[in-house]
Amino acid sequence: MDQPATHTRPSLQATWITPNPPQASSPQTTRVFEMPLPSTPAEPSTSEKTAFLAALRCACLELQEQVNQCLTLRMEEEKGGVGEGMDAMGEGREEENYGEESAGEE
């Protein structure tokens, strides 16, 4: 006898693995972000496709916000907080130069 098809609810998922440099004391961790998506029939109508794509777009934005919050928190933890050794001006310069080499560090 045929087994009934089991449908899993679709979701948008992202996995982030913390980089673990050799000198790091904290262990490597994995964080999974997941946003549920609406189910669609096997042959969706145009309006159902449009609704699904709209939900997918919203889920992408929400997932991005969750990832950004997690990474911001991690950056703050790594640098020990704003009040400990770095003033607001220094933090602003650090954000402006993110990903670029600073002339003073050579």
PDB file of N, CA and C in Angstrom:
ATOM      1  N   MET A   1       0.836  -1.165   0.000  1.00  0.00           N
ATOM      2  CA  MET A   1       0.000   0.000   0.000  1.00  0.00           C
ATOM      3  C   MET A   1       0.889   1.239   0.000  1.00  0.00           C
ATOM      4  N   ASP A   2       0.483   2.266  -0.711  1.00  0.00           N
ATOM      5  CA  ASP A   2       1.262   3.494  -0.786  1.00  0.00           C
ATOM      6  C   ASP A   2       1.188   4.259   0.521  1.00  0.00           C
ATOM      7  N   GLN A   3       2.341   4.770   0.919  1.00  0.00           N
ATOM      8  CA  GLN A   3       2.399   5.618   2.110  1.00  0.00           C
ATOM      9  C   GLN A   3       1.910   7.006   1.737  1.00  0.00           C
ATOM     10  N   PRO A   4       1.154   7.665   2.601  1.00  0.00           N
ATOM     11  CA  PRO A   4       0.751   9.036   2.295  1.00  0.00           C
ATOM     12  C   PRO A   4       1.996   9.929   2.288  1.00  0.00           C
ATOM     13  N   ALA A   5       2.015  10.853   1.361  1.00  0.00           N
ATOM     14  CA  ALA A   5       3.161  11.768   1.251  1.00  0.00           C
ATOM     15  C   ALA A   5       3.191  12.674   2.474  1.00  0.00           C
ATOM     16  N   THR A   6       4.340  12.742   3.062  1.00  0.00           N
ATOM     17  CA  THR A   6       4.483  13.653   4.193  1.00  0.00           C
ATOM     18  C   THR A   6       5.102  14.932   3.673  1.00  0.00           C
ATOM     19  N   HIS A   7       4.454  16.018   3.943  1.00  0.00           N
ATOM     20  CA  HIS A   7       4.929  17.311   3.483  1.00  0.00           C
ATOM     21  C   HIS A   7       5.559  18.044   4.659  1.00  0.00           C
ATOM     22  N   THR A   8       6.746  18.501   4.430  1.00  0.00           N
ATOM     23  CA  THR A   8       7.371  19.328   5.450  1.00  0.00           C
ATOM     24  C   THR A   8       7.102  20.776   5.080  1.00  0.00           C
ATOM     25  N   ARG A   9       6.949  21.559   6.087  1.00  0.00           N
ATOM     26  CA  ARG A   9       6.680  22.976   5.863  1.00  0.00           C
ATOM     27  C   ARG A   9       7.971  23.624   5.354  1.00  0.00           C
ATOM     28  N   PRO A  10       7.885  24.383   4.260  1.00  0.00           N
ATOM     29  CA  PRO A  10       9.095  25.016   3.739  1.00  0.00           C
ATOM     30  C   PRO A  10       9.598  26.102   4.685  1.00  0.00           C
ATOM     31  N   SER A  11      10.896  26.303   4.647  1.00  0.00           N
ATOM     32  CA  SER A  11      11.481  27.355   5.476  1.00  0.00           C
ATOM     33  C   SER A  11      12.729  27.897   4.798  1.00  0.00           C
ATOM     34  N   LEU A  12      13.084  29.092   5.185  1.00  0.00           N
ATOM     35  CA  LEU A  12      14.314  29.715   4.739  1.00  0.00           C
ATOM     36  C   LEU A  12      15.300  29.564   5.883  1.00  0.00           C
ATOM     37  N   GLN A  13      16.480  29.057   5.591  1.00  0.00           N
ATOM     38  CA  GLN A  13      17.425  28.748   6.654  1.00  0.00           C
ATOM     39  C   GLN A  13      18.819  29.248   6.300  1.00  0.00           C
ATOM     40  N   ALA A  14      19.509  29.771   7.298  1.00  0.00           N
ATOM     41  CA  ALA A  14      20.906  30.182   7.147  1.00  0.00           C
ATOM     42  C   ALA A  14      21.679  29.624   8.331  1.00  0.00           C
ATOM     43  N   THR A  15      22.886  29.161   8.067  1.00  0.00           N
ATOM     44  CA  THR A  15      23.746  28.630   9.120  1.00  0.00           C
ATOM     45  C   THR A  15      25.009  29.462   9.166  1.00  0.00           C
ATOM     46  N   TRP A  16      25.355  29.930  10.363  1.00  0.00           N
ATOM     47  CA  TRP A  16      26.564  30.711  10.554  1.00  0.00           C
ATOM     48  C   TRP A  16      27.461  29.970  11.530  1.00  0.00           C
ATOM     49  N   ILE A  17      28.710  29.766  11.125  1.00  0.00           N
ATOM     50  CA  ILE A  17      29.685  29.099  11.978  1.00  0.00           C
ATOM     51  C   ILE A  17      30.723  30.142  12.367  1.00  0.00           C
ATOM     52  N   THR A  18      30.941  30.308  13.659  1.00  0.00           N
ATOM     53  CA  THR A  18      31.891  31.319  14.112  1.00  0.00           C
ATOM     54  C   THR A  18      33.290  30.943  13.658  1.00  0.00           C
ATOM     55  N   PRO A  19      34.016  31.937  13.168  1.00  0.00           N
ATOM     56  CA  PRO A  19      35.407  31.651  12.842  1.00  0.00           C
ATOM     57  C   PRO A  19      36.173  31.395  14.137  1.00  0.00           C
ATOM     58  N   ASN A  20      37.088  30.481  14.102  1.00  0.00           N
ATOM     59  CA  ASN A  20      37.827  30.133  15.309  1.00  0.00           C
ATOM     60  C   ASN A  20      39.327  30.220  15.022  1.00  0.00           C
ATOM     61  N   PRO A  21      39.898  31.442  15.161  1.00  0.00           N
ATOM     62  CA  PRO A  21      41.332  31.558  14.933  1.00  0.00           C
ATOM     63  C   PRO A  21      42.110  30.752  15.964  1.00  0.00           C
ATOM     64  N   PRO A  22      43.344  30.328  15.643  1.00  0.00           N
ATOM     65  CA  PRO A  22      44.120  29.475  16.547  1.00  0.00           C
ATOM     66  C   PRO A  22      44.315  30.065  17.941  1.00  0.00           C
ATOM     67  N   GLN A  23      44.410  31.396  18.068  1.00  0.00           N
ATOM     68  CA  GLN A  23      44.637  32.004  19.372  1.00  0.00           C
ATOM     69  C   GLN A  23      43.346  32.222  20.159  1.00  0.00           C
ATOM     70  N   ALA A  24      42.204  31.919  19.581  1.00  0.00           N
ATOM     71  CA  ALA A  24      40.933  32.148  20.266  1.00  0.00           C
ATOM     72  C   ALA A  24      40.743  31.154  21.403  1.00  0.00           C
ATOM     73  N   SER A  25      40.199  31.670  22.494  1.00  0.00           N
ATOM     74  CA  SER A  25      39.947  30.804  23.642  1.00  0.00           C
ATOM     75  C   SER A  25      38.526  30.233  23.610  1.00  0.00           C
ATOM     76  N   SER A  26      37.633  30.872  22.864  1.00  0.00           N
ATOM     77  CA  SER A  26      36.256  30.384  22.820  1.00  0.00           C
ATOM     78  C   SER A  26      36.113  29.326  21.728  1.00  0.00           C
ATOM     79  N   PRO A  27      35.299  28.314  21.971  1.00  0.00           N
ATOM     80  CA  PRO A  27      35.129  27.243  20.985  1.00  0.00           C
ATOM     81  C   PRO A  27      34.312  27.726  19.786  1.00  0.00           C
ATOM     82  N   GLN A  28      34.474  27.028  18.691  1.00  0.00           N
ATOM     83  CA  GLN A  28      33.710  27.329  17.494  1.00  0.00           C
ATOM     84  C   GLN A  28      32.253  26.964  17.756  1.00  0.00           C
ATOM     85  N   THR A  29      31.343  27.842  17.359  1.00  0.00           N
ATOM     86  CA  THR A  29      29.925  27.568  17.549  1.00  0.00           C
ATOM     87  C   THR A  29      29.190  27.712  16.223  1.00  0.00           C
ATOM     88  N   THR A  30      28.058  27.071  16.160  1.00  0.00           N
ATOM     89  CA  THR A  30      27.210  27.136  14.979  1.00  0.00           C
ATOM     90  C   THR A  30      25.873  27.722  15.384  1.00  0.00           C
ATOM     91  N   ARG A  31      25.359  28.609  14.566  1.00  0.00           N
ATOM     92  CA  ARG A  31      24.060  29.223  14.835  1.00  0.00           C
ATOM     93  C   ARG A  31      23.193  29.041  13.598  1.00  0.00           C
ATOM     94  N   VAL A  32      22.018  28.489  13.779  1.00  0.00           N
ATOM     95  CA  VAL A  32      21.086  28.270  12.676  1.00  0.00           C
ATOM     96  C   VAL A  32      19.942  29.256  12.815  1.00  0.00           C
ATOM     97  N   PHE A  33      19.678  29.982  11.749  1.00  0.00           N
ATOM     98  CA  PHE A  33      18.566  30.928  11.696  1.00  0.00           C
ATOM     99  C   PHE A  33      17.538  30.332  10.745  1.00  0.00           C
ATOM    100  N   GLU A  34      16.279  30.356  11.143  1.00  0.00           N
ATOM    101  CA  GLU A  34      15.253  29.743  10.297  1.00  0.00           C
ATOM    102  C   GLU A  34      13.976  30.570  10.341  1.00  0.00           C
ATOM    103  N   MET A  35      13.410  30.781   9.171  1.00  0.00           N
ATOM    104  CA  MET A  35      12.153  31.500   9.037  1.00  0.00           C
ATOM    105  C   MET A  35      11.169  30.596   8.301  1.00  0.00           C
ATOM    106  N   PRO A  36      10.002  30.353   8.889  1.00  0.00           N
ATOM    107  CA  PRO A  36       9.015  29.509   8.201  1.00  0.00           C
ATOM    108  C   PRO A  36       8.434  30.230   6.980  1.00  0.00           C
ATOM    109  N   LEU A  37       8.090  29.447   5.987  1.00  0.00           N
ATOM    110  CA  LEU A  37       7.452  29.969   4.780  1.00  0.00           C
ATOM    111  C   LEU A  37       6.103  29.293   4.610  1.00  0.00           C
ATOM    112  N   PRO A  38       5.180  29.936   3.916  1.00  0.00           N
ATOM    113  CA  PRO A  38       3.868  29.304   3.721  1.00  0.00           C
ATOM    114  C   PRO A  38       3.959  28.119   2.764  1.00  0.00           C
ATOM    115  N   SER A  39       3.108  27.159   2.987  1.00  0.00           N
ATOM    116  CA  SER A  39       3.026  26.008   2.085  1.00  0.00           C
ATOM    117  C   SER A  39       2.318  26.430   0.812  1.00  0.00           C
ATOM    118  N   THR A  40       2.648  25.756  -0.265  1.00  0.00           N
ATOM    119  CA  THR A  40       1.959  26.013  -1.528  1.00  0.00           C
ATOM    120  C   THR A  40       1.514  24.685  -2.112  1.00  0.00           C
ATOM    121  N   PRO A  41       0.439  24.711  -2.875  1.00  0.00           N
ATOM    122  CA  PRO A  41      -0.002  23.470  -3.507  1.00  0.00           C
ATOM    123  C   PRO A  41       1.003  23.018  -4.572  1.00  0.00           C
ATOM    124  N   ALA A  42       0.860  21.787  -5.026  1.00  0.00           N
ATOM    125  CA  ALA A  42       1.770  21.232  -6.029  1.00  0.00           C
ATOM    126  C   ALA A  42       1.788  22.080  -7.303  1.00  0.00           C
ATOM    127  N   GLU A  43       0.649  22.578  -7.693  1.00  0.00           N
ATOM    128  CA  GLU A  43       0.562  23.446  -8.874  1.00  0.00           C
ATOM    129  C   GLU A  43      -0.104  24.757  -8.467  1.00  0.00           C
ATOM    130  N   PRO A  44       0.680  25.683  -7.921  1.00  0.00           N
ATOM    131  CA  PRO A  44       0.094  26.935  -7.424  1.00  0.00           C
ATOM    132  C   PRO A  44      -0.367  27.868  -8.544  1.00  0.00           C
ATOM    133  N   SER A  45      -1.383  28.626  -8.228  1.00  0.00           N
ATOM    134  CA  SER A  45      -1.864  29.634  -9.178  1.00  0.00           C
ATOM    135  C   SER A  45      -0.903  30.825  -9.153  1.00  0.00           C
ATOM    136  N   THR A  46      -1.108  31.731 -10.056  1.00  0.00           N
ATOM    137  CA  THR A  46      -0.254  32.918 -10.118  1.00  0.00           C
ATOM    138  C   THR A  46      -0.351  33.715  -8.818  1.00  0.00           C
ATOM    139  N   SER A  47      -1.526  33.858  -8.276  1.00  0.00           N
ATOM    140  CA  SER A  47      -1.676  34.623  -7.031  1.00  0.00           C
ATOM    141  C   SER A  47      -1.006  33.903  -5.855  1.00  0.00           C
ATOM    142  N   GLU A  48      -1.043  32.572  -5.853  1.00  0.00           N
ATOM    143  CA  GLU A  48      -0.361  31.814  -4.792  1.00  0.00           C
ATOM    144  C   GLU A  48       1.160  31.940  -4.919  1.00  0.00           C
ATOM    145  N   LYS A  49       1.654  31.926  -6.154  1.00  0.00           N
ATOM    146  CA  LYS A  49       3.087  32.130  -6.379  1.00  0.00           C
ATOM    147  C   LYS A  49       3.515  33.521  -5.914  1.00  0.00           C
ATOM    148  N   THR A  50       2.698  34.504  -6.249  1.00  0.00           N
ATOM    149  CA  THR A  50       2.999  35.886  -5.857  1.00  0.00           C
ATOM    150  C   THR A  50       3.006  36.020  -4.343  1.00  0.00           C
ATOM    151  N   ALA A  51       2.050  35.395  -3.679  1.00  0.00           N
ATOM    152  CA  ALA A  51       1.986  35.451  -2.217  1.00  0.00           C
ATOM    153  C   ALA A  51       3.195  34.755  -1.601  1.00  0.00           C
ATOM    154  N   PHE A  52       3.591  33.631  -2.180  1.00  0.00           N
ATOM    155  CA  PHE A  52       4.757  32.917  -1.667  1.00  0.00           C
ATOM    156  C   PHE A  52       6.023  33.762  -1.821  1.00  0.00           C
ATOM    157  N   LEU A  53       6.199  34.384  -2.967  1.00  0.00           N
ATOM    158  CA  LEU A  53       7.386  35.213  -3.199  1.00  0.00           C
ATOM    159  C   LEU A  53       7.406  36.425  -2.264  1.00  0.00           C
ATOM    160  N   ALA A  54       6.237  36.987  -1.988  1.00  0.00           N
ATOM    161  CA  ALA A  54       6.161  38.103  -1.042  1.00  0.00           C
ATOM    162  C   ALA A  54       6.561  37.636   0.360  1.00  0.00           C
ATOM    163  N   ALA A  55       6.096  36.454   0.745  1.00  0.00           N
ATOM    164  CA  ALA A  55       6.453  35.896   2.056  1.00  0.00           C
ATOM    165  C   ALA A  55       7.944  35.571   2.108  1.00  0.00           C
ATOM    166  N   LEU A  56       8.492  35.084   1.011  1.00  0.00           N
ATOM    167  CA  LEU A  56       9.920  34.779   0.934  1.00  0.00           C
ATOM    168  C   LEU A  56      10.746  36.049   1.096  1.00  0.00           C
ATOM    169  N   ARG A  57      10.319  37.107   0.462  1.00  0.00           N
ATOM    170  CA  ARG A  57      11.028  38.389   0.573  1.00  0.00           C
ATOM    171  C   ARG A  57      11.014  38.877   2.016  1.00  0.00           C
ATOM    172  N   CYS A  58       9.864  38.820   2.662  1.00  0.00           N
ATOM    173  CA  CYS A  58       9.763  39.233   4.072  1.00  0.00           C
ATOM    174  C   CYS A  58      10.635  38.347   4.961  1.00  0.00           C
ATOM    175  N   ALA A  59      10.635  37.055   4.693  1.00  0.00           N
ATOM    176  CA  ALA A  59      11.446  36.130   5.486  1.00  0.00           C
ATOM    177  C   ALA A  59      12.934  36.436   5.312  1.00  0.00           C
ATOM    178  N   CYS A  60      13.340  36.792   4.085  1.00  0.00           N
ATOM    179  CA  CYS A  60      14.748  37.155   3.844  1.00  0.00           C
ATOM    180  C   CYS A  60      15.136  38.374   4.669  1.00  0.00           C
ATOM    181  N   LEU A  61      14.282  39.368   4.700  1.00  0.00           N
ATOM    182  CA  LEU A  61      14.569  40.583   5.467  1.00  0.00           C
ATOM    183  C   LEU A  61      14.641  40.290   6.965  1.00  0.00           C
ATOM    184  N   GLU A  62      13.714  39.485   7.456  1.00  0.00           N
ATOM    185  CA  GLU A  62      13.710  39.131   8.882  1.00  0.00           C
ATOM    186  C   GLU A  62      14.937  38.293   9.240  1.00  0.00           C
ATOM    187  N   LEU A  63      15.289  37.364   8.381  1.00  0.00           N
ATOM    188  CA  LEU A  63      16.461  36.524   8.612  1.00  0.00           C
ATOM    189  C   LEU A  63      17.726  37.380   8.627  1.00  0.00           C
ATOM    190  N   GLN A  64      17.820  38.309   7.688  1.00  0.00           N
ATOM    191  CA  GLN A  64      18.966  39.211   7.640  1.00  0.00           C
ATOM    192  C   GLN A  64      19.053  40.032   8.922  1.00  0.00           C
ATOM    193  N   GLU A  65      17.941  40.502   9.423  1.00  0.00           N
ATOM    194  CA  GLU A  65      17.925  41.282  10.664  1.00  0.00           C
ATOM    195  C   GLU A  65      18.397  40.428  11.844  1.00  0.00           C
ATOM    196  N   GLN A  66      17.966  39.181  11.910  1.00  0.00           N
ATOM    197  CA  GLN A  66      18.402  38.293  12.992  1.00  0.00           C
ATOM    198  C   GLN A  66      19.905  38.037  12.930  1.00  0.00           C
ATOM    199  N   VAL A  67      20.418  37.806  11.726  1.00  0.00           N
ATOM    200  CA  VAL A  67      21.853  37.571  11.554  1.00  0.00           C
ATOM    201  C   VAL A  67      22.630  38.826  11.956  1.00  0.00           C
ATOM    202  N   ASN A  68      22.176  39.987  11.506  1.00  0.00           N
ATOM    203  CA  ASN A  68      22.852  41.235  11.848  1.00  0.00           C
ATOM    204  C   ASN A  68      22.868  41.470  13.359  1.00  0.00           C
ATOM    205  N   GLN A  69      21.761  41.207  14.036  1.00  0.00           N
ATOM    206  CA  GLN A  69      21.709  41.371  15.492  1.00  0.00           C
ATOM    207  C   GLN A  69      22.697  40.436  16.171  1.00  0.00           C
ATOM    208  N   CYS A  70      22.761  39.204  15.718  1.00  0.00           N
ATOM    209  CA  CYS A  70      23.677  38.227  16.301  1.00  0.00           C
ATOM    210  C   CYS A  70      25.128  38.655  16.095  1.00  0.00           C
ATOM    211  N   LEU A  71      25.464  39.089  14.885  1.00  0.00           N
ATOM    212  CA  LEU A  71      26.836  39.500  14.599  1.00  0.00           C
ATOM    213  C   LEU A  71      27.211  40.776  15.342  1.00  0.00           C
ATOM    214  N   THR A  72      26.276  41.699  15.461  1.00  0.00           N
ATOM    215  CA  THR A  72      26.537  42.928  16.217  1.00  0.00           C
ATOM    216  C   THR A  72      26.809  42.599  17.672  1.00  0.00           C
ATOM    217  N   LEU A  73      26.019  41.725  18.252  1.00  0.00           N
ATOM    218  CA  LEU A  73      26.224  41.311  19.635  1.00  0.00           C
ATOM    219  C   LEU A  73      27.591  40.652  19.792  1.00  0.00           C
ATOM    220  N   ARG A  74      27.941  39.798  18.851  1.00  0.00           N
ATOM    221  CA  ARG A  74      29.243  39.117  18.917  1.00  0.00           C
ATOM    222  C   ARG A  74      30.390  40.123  18.815  1.00  0.00           C
ATOM    223  N   MET A  75      30.278  41.104  17.926  1.00  0.00           N
ATOM    224  CA  MET A  75      31.323  42.122  17.796  1.00  0.00           C
ATOM    225  C   MET A  75      31.477  42.907  19.094  1.00  0.00           C
ATOM    226  N   GLU A  76      30.350  43.244  19.725  1.00  0.00           N
ATOM    227  CA  GLU A  76      30.397  43.987  20.985  1.00  0.00           C
ATOM    228  C   GLU A  76      31.036  43.153  22.088  1.00  0.00           C
ATOM    229  N   GLU A  77      30.734  41.861  22.110  1.00  0.00           N
ATOM    230  CA  GLU A  77      31.343  40.978  23.106  1.00  0.00           C
ATOM    231  C   GLU A  77      32.846  40.877  22.890  1.00  0.00           C
ATOM    232  N   GLU A  78      33.272  40.774  21.626  1.00  0.00           N
ATOM    233  CA  GLU A  78      34.686  40.623  21.321  1.00  0.00           C
ATOM    234  C   GLU A  78      35.504  41.859  21.674  1.00  0.00           C
ATOM    235  N   LYS A  79      34.913  43.034  21.477  1.00  0.00           N
ATOM    236  CA  LYS A  79      35.684  44.237  21.779  1.00  0.00           C
ATOM    237  C   LYS A  79      35.481  44.710  23.211  1.00  0.00           C
ATOM    238  N   GLY A  80      34.686  44.019  23.985  1.00  0.00           N
ATOM    239  CA  GLY A  80      34.531  44.308  25.399  1.00  0.00           C
ATOM    240  C   GLY A  80      33.630  45.486  25.719  1.00  0.00           C
ATOM    241  N   GLY A  81      32.804  45.900  24.823  1.00  0.00           N
ATOM    242  CA  GLY A  81      31.885  46.999  25.092  1.00  0.00           C
ATOM    243  C   GLY A  81      32.485  48.333  24.695  1.00  0.00           C
ATOM    244  N   VAL A  82      31.639  49.290  24.407  1.00  0.00           N
ATOM    245  CA  VAL A  82      32.051  50.608  23.939  1.00  0.00           C
ATOM    246  C   VAL A  82      32.779  51.385  25.022  1.00  0.00           C
ATOM    247  N   GLY A  83      32.342  51.297  26.249  1.00  0.00           N
ATOM    248  CA  GLY A  83      32.908  52.112  27.321  1.00  0.00           C
ATOM    249  C   GLY A  83      34.275  51.664  27.796  1.00  0.00           C
ATOM    250  N   GLU A  84      34.750  50.536  27.369  1.00  0.00           N
ATOM    251  CA  GLU A  84      36.015  50.008  27.863  1.00  0.00           C
ATOM    252  C   GLU A  84      37.135  50.248  26.868  1.00  0.00           C
ATOM    253  N   GLY A  85      37.719  51.434  26.907  1.00  0.00           N
ATOM    254  CA  GLY A  85      38.908  51.702  26.115  1.00  0.00           C
ATOM    255  C   GLY A  85      38.670  52.271  24.738  1.00  0.00           C
ATOM    256  N   MET A  86      37.454  52.425  24.299  1.00  0.00           N
ATOM    257  CA  MET A  86      37.233  53.014  22.989  1.00  0.00           C
ATOM    258  C   MET A  86      36.110  54.031  23.098  1.00  0.00           C
ATOM    259  N   ASP A  87      36.405  55.262  22.739  1.00  0.00           N
ATOM    260  CA  ASP A  87      35.377  56.296  22.800  1.00  0.00           C
ATOM    261  C   ASP A  87      34.486  56.214  21.567  1.00  0.00           C
ATOM    262  N   ALA A  88      33.420  57.008  21.566  1.00  0.00           N
ATOM    263  CA  ALA A  88      32.467  56.977  20.456  1.00  0.00           C
ATOM    264  C   ALA A  88      33.129  57.393  19.148  1.00  0.00           C
ATOM    265  N   MET A  89      34.056  58.356  19.178  1.00  0.00           N
ATOM    266  CA  MET A  89      34.743  58.800  17.968  1.00  0.00           C
ATOM    267  C   MET A  89      35.583  57.650  17.404  1.00  0.00           C
ATOM    268  N   GLY A  90      36.298  56.936  18.251  1.00  0.00           N
ATOM    269  CA  GLY A  90      37.117  55.807  17.805  1.00  0.00           C
ATOM    270  C   GLY A  90      36.272  54.702  17.213  1.00  0.00           C
ATOM    271  N   GLU A  91      35.132  54.478  17.818  1.00  0.00           N
ATOM    272  CA  GLU A  91      34.237  53.448  17.292  1.00  0.00           C
ATOM    273  C   GLU A  91      33.713  53.843  15.920  1.00  0.00           C
ATOM    274  N   GLY A  92      33.394  55.117  15.748  1.00  0.00           N
ATOM    275  CA  GLY A  92      32.927  55.601  14.446  1.00  0.00           C
ATOM    276  C   GLY A  92      33.980  55.406  13.378  1.00  0.00           C
ATOM    277  N   ARG A  93      35.248  55.717  13.701  1.00  0.00           N
ATOM    278  CA  ARG A  93      36.334  55.520  12.744  1.00  0.00           C
ATOM    279  C   ARG A  93      36.498  54.040  12.422  1.00  0.00           C
ATOM    280  N   GLU A  94      36.369  53.210  13.439  1.00  0.00           N
ATOM    281  CA  GLU A  94      36.500  51.774  13.218  1.00  0.00           C
ATOM    282  C   GLU A  94      35.431  51.269  12.256  1.00  0.00           C
ATOM    283  N   GLU A  95      34.189  51.744  12.423  1.00  0.00           N
ATOM    284  CA  GLU A  95      33.109  51.317  11.537  1.00  0.00           C
ATOM    285  C   GLU A  95      33.310  51.841  10.124  1.00  0.00           C
ATOM    286  N   GLU A  96      33.806  53.096   9.981  1.00  0.00           N
ATOM    287  CA  GLU A  96      34.045  53.667   8.658  1.00  0.00           C
ATOM    288  C   GLU A  96      35.109  52.880   7.908  1.00  0.00           C
ATOM    289  N   ASN A  97      36.122  52.412   8.616  1.00  0.00           N
ATOM    290  CA  ASN A  97      37.254  51.730   8.004  1.00  0.00           C
ATOM    291  C   ASN A  97      37.123  50.215   8.035  1.00  0.00           C
ATOM    292  N   TYR A  98      35.961  49.695   8.369  1.00  0.00           N
ATOM    293  CA  TYR A  98      35.779  48.263   8.468  1.00  0.00           C
ATOM    294  C   TYR A  98      36.179  47.593   7.158  1.00  0.00           C
ATOM    295  N   GLY A  99      37.062  46.626   7.233  1.00  0.00           N
ATOM    296  CA  GLY A  99      37.474  45.882   6.041  1.00  0.00           C
ATOM    297  C   GLY A  99      38.629  46.520   5.298  1.00  0.00           C
ATOM    298  N   GLU A 100      39.079  47.685   5.739  1.00  0.00           N
ATOM    299  CA  GLU A 100      40.193  48.367   5.089  1.00  0.00           C
ATOM    300  C   GLU A 100      41.365  48.453   6.065  1.00  0.00           C
ATOM    301  N   GLU A 101      42.561  48.507   5.485  1.00  0.00           N
ATOM    302  CA  GLU A 101      43.737  48.658   6.334  1.00  0.00           C
ATOM    303  C   GLU A 101      43.867  50.114   6.753  1.00  0.00           C
ATOM    304  N   SER A 102      44.236  50.309   7.988  1.00  0.00           N
ATOM    305  CA  SER A 102      44.431  51.648   8.505  1.00  0.00           C
ATOM    306  C   SER A 102      45.898  52.026   8.355  1.00  0.00           C
ATOM    307  N   ALA A 103      46.167  53.286   7.971  1.00  0.00           N
ATOM    308  CA  ALA A 103      47.536  53.738   7.762  1.00  0.00           C
ATOM    309  C   ALA A 103      48.322  53.688   9.053  1.00  0.00           C
ATOM    310  N   GLY A 104      47.686  53.869  10.199  1.00  0.00           N
ATOM    311  CA  GLY A 104      48.350  53.881  11.492  1.00  0.00           C
ATOM    312  C   GLY A 104      48.722  52.502  11.995  1.00  0.00           C
ATOM    313  N   GLU A 105      48.248  51.445  11.363  1.00  0.00           N
ATOM    314  CA  GLU A 105      48.475  50.094  11.860  1.00  0.00           C
ATOM    315  C   GLU A 105      49.604  49.376  11.127  1.00  0.00           C
ATOM    316  N   GLU A 106      50.266  50.023  10.202  1.00  0.00           N
ATOM    317  CA  GLU A 106      51.307  49.361   9.423  1.00  0.00           C
ATOM    318  C   GLU A 106      52.609  49.280  10.135  1.00  0.00           C
TER     319      GLU A 106
END
